[in-house]
Amino acid sequence: MDSGERPLSLSQVGHDGFGISTYAVRDLYKPYFTRAIKTWRLAMKHIYDVEVLPLPAPSAVSSLPTEARAKVLDLLFEPSTQLHTLSIPLLQSQTFSTYSDLIAAVGAQLSALADSPSTSDAKWLEDILSSHPRLGAKKVESEQSAAEQAQLKGSEEEAAALQKLNAEYEAKFPGLRYVVFVNGRSRQEVMEDMRTRIVAGDLSGERMAAIRAMCEIAVDRAAKLLQT
């Protein structure tokens, strides 16, 4: 390398290192892109002793800049300005040895909001819980949520039935959205769970159930992202 040349940053390698725009061709050449990324990660590990993963090591999160800590929250949960405000300071002030510990700490913050008598705290929590897309929604922005809900796809009649249940749930629990860790459950199992919870009508219980589900989803996502 000439003395005047500057080494490529990791972000430059990720975009330009294969001579193409990886984001532009991701869908068309996804299998090839996946193999190339794995090869690149191995090269980074071998040459620079740098481990390149979708998630950083949990112990490194506290030293990340604000934007990077926000991205960690987005990957584990869903993008939420309210969650950023609540938990970005936590991720800076504490160092976690595992993502399970980090997620549990965020869950404790959410539970504290659920236990608070303040109506503004309740609204803040509801906004965070509603960051998860509705089950069976036709358009799901989050790639991870889309994959997690893949087995819920069905006929137009089944989709309409699920949409109707979502509406019933949100009418029963204003401000909330039904959140569940699907984890391989069938559409019928999920819909039966929705009906049971609608009939029970326990608002505080629904808030806690949604928090548990969000944390279960986050733990599952962390495990998958760290294996990518």
Protein backbone atom coordinates (compact mmCIF):
# COMPACT_ATOMS: atom_id res chain seq x y z
CA MET A 1 0.00 0.00 0.00
CA ASP A 2 1.38 3.43 -0.93
CA SER A 3 2.06 5.73 1.99
CA GLY A 4 -0.62 8.12 0.69
CA GLU A 5 -3.32 5.43 0.57
CA ARG A 6 -5.74 5.03 3.45
CA PRO A 7 -7.01 1.58 4.44
CA LEU A 8 -10.67 0.87 3.78
CA SER A 9 -12.97 1.17 6.75
CA LEU A 10 -15.21 -1.79 7.55
CA SER A 11 -18.23 0.12 6.30
CA GLN A 12 -16.49 0.79 2.96
CA VAL A 13 -15.54 -2.85 2.60
CA GLY A 14 -19.11 -3.87 3.37
CA HIS A 15 -20.43 -1.64 0.58
CA ASP A 16 -17.70 -1.56 -2.05
CA GLY A 17 -15.45 -4.50 -1.24
CA PHE A 18 -17.04 -6.79 -3.84
CA GLY A 19 -17.12 -4.12 -6.53
CA ILE A 20 -20.92 -3.80 -6.30
CA SER A 21 -23.52 -2.11 -4.15
CA THR A 22 -24.49 -4.96 -1.82
CA TYR A 23 -27.81 -3.43 -0.83
CA ALA A 24 -28.90 -2.95 -4.45
CA VAL A 25 -28.47 -6.62 -5.33
CA ARG A 26 -29.28 -8.22 -1.97
CA ASP A 27 -32.66 -9.64 -2.97
CA LEU A 28 -31.60 -10.80 -6.43
CA TYR A 29 -28.34 -12.41 -5.37
CA LYS A 30 -29.09 -13.16 -1.73
CA PRO A 31 -27.51 -16.68 -1.67
CA TYR A 32 -24.31 -15.40 -3.27
CA PHE A 33 -24.33 -12.30 -1.12
CA THR A 34 -24.69 -14.37 2.06
CA ARG A 35 -21.71 -16.56 1.14
CA ALA A 36 -19.64 -13.49 0.22
CA ILE A 37 -20.42 -11.83 3.55
CA LYS A 38 -19.39 -14.98 5.44
CA THR A 39 -16.13 -15.12 3.44
CA TRP A 40 -15.51 -11.45 4.18
CA ARG A 41 -16.12 -11.95 7.90
CA LEU A 42 -13.68 -14.86 7.97
CA ALA A 43 -11.12 -12.72 6.15
CA MET A 44 -11.54 -9.88 8.62
CA LYS A 45 -11.07 -12.34 11.49
CA HIS A 46 -8.00 -13.94 9.91
CA ILE A 47 -6.24 -10.78 8.69
CA TYR A 48 -7.24 -8.16 11.25
CA ASP A 49 -8.48 -10.31 14.15
CA VAL A 50 -11.79 -8.43 13.91
CA GLU A 51 -15.07 -10.28 14.48
CA VAL A 52 -17.76 -8.75 12.25
CA LEU A 53 -21.28 -9.69 13.39
CA PRO A 54 -24.72 -8.10 13.02
CA LEU A 55 -24.61 -7.48 16.78
CA PRO A 56 -21.50 -6.40 18.67
CA ALA A 57 -20.35 -8.33 21.71
CA PRO A 58 -22.72 -7.41 24.57
CA SER A 59 -19.82 -6.19 26.71
CA ALA A 60 -18.93 -3.68 23.96
CA VAL A 61 -22.36 -2.03 23.75
CA SER A 62 -21.68 0.50 26.53
CA SER A 63 -18.73 1.94 24.60
CA LEU A 64 -20.66 2.40 21.35
CA PRO A 65 -21.82 5.81 20.11
CA THR A 66 -25.46 6.72 20.67
CA GLU A 67 -26.55 5.81 17.13
CA ALA A 68 -25.00 2.35 17.40
CA ARG A 69 -26.68 1.68 20.75
CA ALA A 70 -29.99 2.72 19.17
CA LYS A 71 -29.36 0.24 16.35
CA VAL A 72 -28.82 -2.56 18.89
CA LEU A 73 -32.21 -1.77 20.42
CA ASP A 74 -33.82 -1.67 16.97
CA LEU A 75 -32.42 -5.11 16.09
CA LEU A 76 -33.50 -6.71 19.36
CA PHE A 77 -36.87 -5.03 19.73
CA GLU A 78 -38.31 -2.74 17.03
CA PRO A 79 -37.44 0.86 16.10
CA SER A 80 -39.01 3.12 18.73
CA THR A 81 -38.10 6.67 19.66
CA GLN A 82 -39.61 6.12 23.11
CA LEU A 83 -37.49 3.01 23.68
CA HIS A 84 -34.40 4.90 22.55
CA THR A 85 -35.10 7.65 25.09
CA LEU A 86 -35.72 5.09 27.84
CA SER A 87 -32.94 2.60 27.24
CA ILE A 88 -30.02 4.18 25.36
CA PRO A 89 -28.74 5.72 28.65
CA LEU A 90 -29.04 2.30 30.33
CA LEU A 91 -26.93 0.68 27.62
CA GLN A 92 -24.25 3.32 28.19
CA SER A 93 -24.22 3.28 31.99
CA GLN A 94 -24.13 -0.50 32.41
CA THR A 95 -21.96 -3.20 30.88
CA PHE A 96 -23.60 -6.54 30.17
CA SER A 97 -21.83 -9.87 29.75
CA THR A 98 -24.75 -11.42 27.83
CA TYR A 99 -27.60 -10.17 25.69
CA SER A 100 -30.01 -12.03 27.95
CA ASP A 101 -28.88 -9.76 30.81
CA LEU A 102 -29.18 -6.66 28.63
CA ILE A 103 -32.68 -7.62 27.50
CA ALA A 104 -33.73 -8.42 31.08
CA ALA A 105 -32.57 -4.94 32.15
CA VAL A 106 -34.64 -3.31 29.40
CA GLY A 107 -37.55 -5.55 30.41
CA ALA A 108 -37.23 -4.28 33.98
CA GLN A 109 -37.49 -0.70 32.70
CA LEU A 110 -40.64 -1.59 30.78
CA SER A 111 -42.11 -3.36 33.81
CA ALA A 112 -41.45 -0.27 35.92
CA LEU A 113 -43.50 1.76 33.42
CA ALA A 114 -46.26 -0.85 33.62
CA ASP A 115 -46.31 -0.62 37.44
CA SER A 116 -46.31 3.19 37.46
CA PRO A 117 -49.58 4.96 38.34
CA SER A 118 -48.67 7.75 35.92
CA THR A 119 -50.84 7.97 32.80
CA SER A 120 -47.90 9.44 30.87
CA ASP A 121 -45.79 6.38 31.77
CA ALA A 122 -48.60 4.12 30.58
CA LYS A 123 -48.78 6.00 27.27
CA TRP A 124 -44.99 5.80 26.90
CA LEU A 125 -45.11 2.04 27.43
CA GLU A 126 -48.00 1.60 24.99
CA ASP A 127 -46.06 3.46 22.29
CA ILE A 128 -43.10 1.11 22.80
CA LEU A 129 -45.25 -2.03 22.76
CA SER A 130 -47.02 -0.83 19.61
CA SER A 131 -43.72 -0.64 17.72
CA HIS A 132 -44.20 -4.33 16.93
CA PRO A 133 -46.22 -4.82 13.72
CA ARG A 134 -49.68 -6.32 13.90
CA LEU A 135 -49.78 -10.06 13.42
CA GLY A 136 -50.74 -10.92 9.87
CA ALA A 137 -50.29 -7.37 8.58
CA LYS A 138 -49.99 -7.27 4.78
CA LYS A 139 -46.99 -4.93 4.93
CA VAL A 140 -44.35 -5.51 7.61
CA GLU A 141 -41.37 -3.16 7.48
CA SER A 142 -39.16 -5.19 9.81
CA GLU A 143 -37.36 -8.06 8.06
CA GLN A 144 -37.12 -9.93 11.35
CA SER A 145 -40.82 -9.56 12.16
CA ALA A 146 -41.74 -10.64 8.63
CA ALA A 147 -39.68 -13.83 9.05
CA GLU A 148 -41.09 -14.49 12.52
CA GLN A 149 -44.66 -14.20 11.22
CA ALA A 150 -44.09 -16.19 8.03
CA GLN A 151 -46.03 -19.25 9.22
CA LEU A 152 -49.09 -17.10 9.98
CA LYS A 153 -49.77 -16.51 6.30
CA GLY A 154 -52.90 -18.20 5.00
CA SER A 155 -55.93 -17.77 2.79
CA GLU A 156 -57.77 -14.47 2.37
CA GLU A 157 -60.48 -15.71 4.74
CA GLU A 158 -57.89 -16.60 7.40
CA ALA A 159 -56.18 -13.24 6.95
CA ALA A 160 -59.53 -11.47 7.37
CA ALA A 161 -60.26 -13.46 10.55
CA LEU A 162 -56.90 -12.49 12.03
CA GLN A 163 -57.45 -8.86 11.06
CA LYS A 164 -60.83 -8.95 12.80
CA LEU A 165 -59.25 -10.38 15.97
CA ASN A 166 -56.60 -7.66 15.94
CA ALA A 167 -59.37 -5.05 15.77
CA GLU A 168 -61.28 -6.73 18.64
CA TYR A 169 -58.14 -6.88 20.75
CA GLU A 170 -57.29 -3.22 20.18
CA ALA A 171 -60.88 -2.20 20.95
CA LYS A 172 -60.74 -4.19 24.20
CA PHE A 173 -57.33 -2.80 25.16
CA PRO A 174 -57.09 0.76 23.76
CA GLY A 175 -53.49 1.80 23.15
CA LEU A 176 -52.16 -1.77 23.09
CA ARG A 177 -51.29 -4.09 20.24
CA TYR A 178 -51.31 -7.87 20.56
CA VAL A 179 -47.71 -9.06 20.88
CA VAL A 180 -46.72 -12.72 21.15
CA PHE A 181 -43.58 -14.78 20.65
CA VAL A 182 -44.87 -16.92 17.77
CA ASN A 183 -42.01 -19.44 18.07
CA GLY A 184 -43.41 -21.94 15.58
CA ARG A 185 -47.01 -21.75 16.77
CA SER A 186 -49.69 -22.11 14.13
CA ARG A 187 -52.13 -19.42 13.09
CA GLN A 188 -54.95 -21.27 14.90
CA GLU A 189 -52.96 -21.48 18.14
CA VAL A 190 -52.15 -17.78 18.03
CA MET A 191 -55.75 -16.82 17.24
CA GLU A 192 -57.04 -18.97 20.11
CA ASP A 193 -54.60 -17.23 22.46
CA MET A 194 -55.88 -13.85 21.24
CA ARG A 195 -59.49 -14.87 21.90
CA THR A 196 -58.64 -16.10 25.41
CA ARG A 197 -56.90 -12.85 26.29
CA ILE A 198 -59.71 -10.72 24.85
CA VAL A 199 -62.27 -12.59 26.97
CA ALA A 200 -60.08 -12.28 30.09
CA GLY A 201 -60.02 -8.48 29.66
CA ASP A 202 -57.03 -7.98 31.99
CA LEU A 203 -55.39 -4.70 30.90
CA SER A 204 -52.48 -4.79 33.35
CA GLY A 205 -51.94 -8.46 32.57
CA GLU A 206 -51.84 -7.65 28.84
CA ARG A 207 -49.17 -5.03 29.37
CA MET A 208 -47.00 -7.53 31.25
CA ALA A 209 -47.70 -10.27 28.68
CA ALA A 210 -46.61 -7.94 25.88
CA ILE A 211 -43.42 -7.03 27.75
CA ARG A 212 -42.59 -10.72 28.28
CA ALA A 213 -43.25 -11.44 24.61
CA MET A 214 -41.04 -8.57 23.46
CA CYS A 215 -38.21 -9.81 25.66
CA GLU A 216 -38.64 -13.42 24.48
CA ILE A 217 -38.54 -12.23 20.87
CA ALA A 218 -35.43 -10.14 21.62
CA VAL A 219 -33.59 -13.09 23.20
CA ASP A 220 -34.42 -15.23 20.18
CA ARG A 221 -33.27 -12.51 17.78
CA ALA A 222 -30.00 -12.03 19.66
CA ALA A 223 -29.22 -15.75 19.44
CA LYS A 224 -29.92 -15.82 15.71
CA LEU A 225 -28.02 -12.62 14.93
CA LEU A 226 -24.94 -13.77 16.83
CA GLN A 227 -24.93 -16.98 14.79
CA THR A 228 -25.24 -15.19 11.42
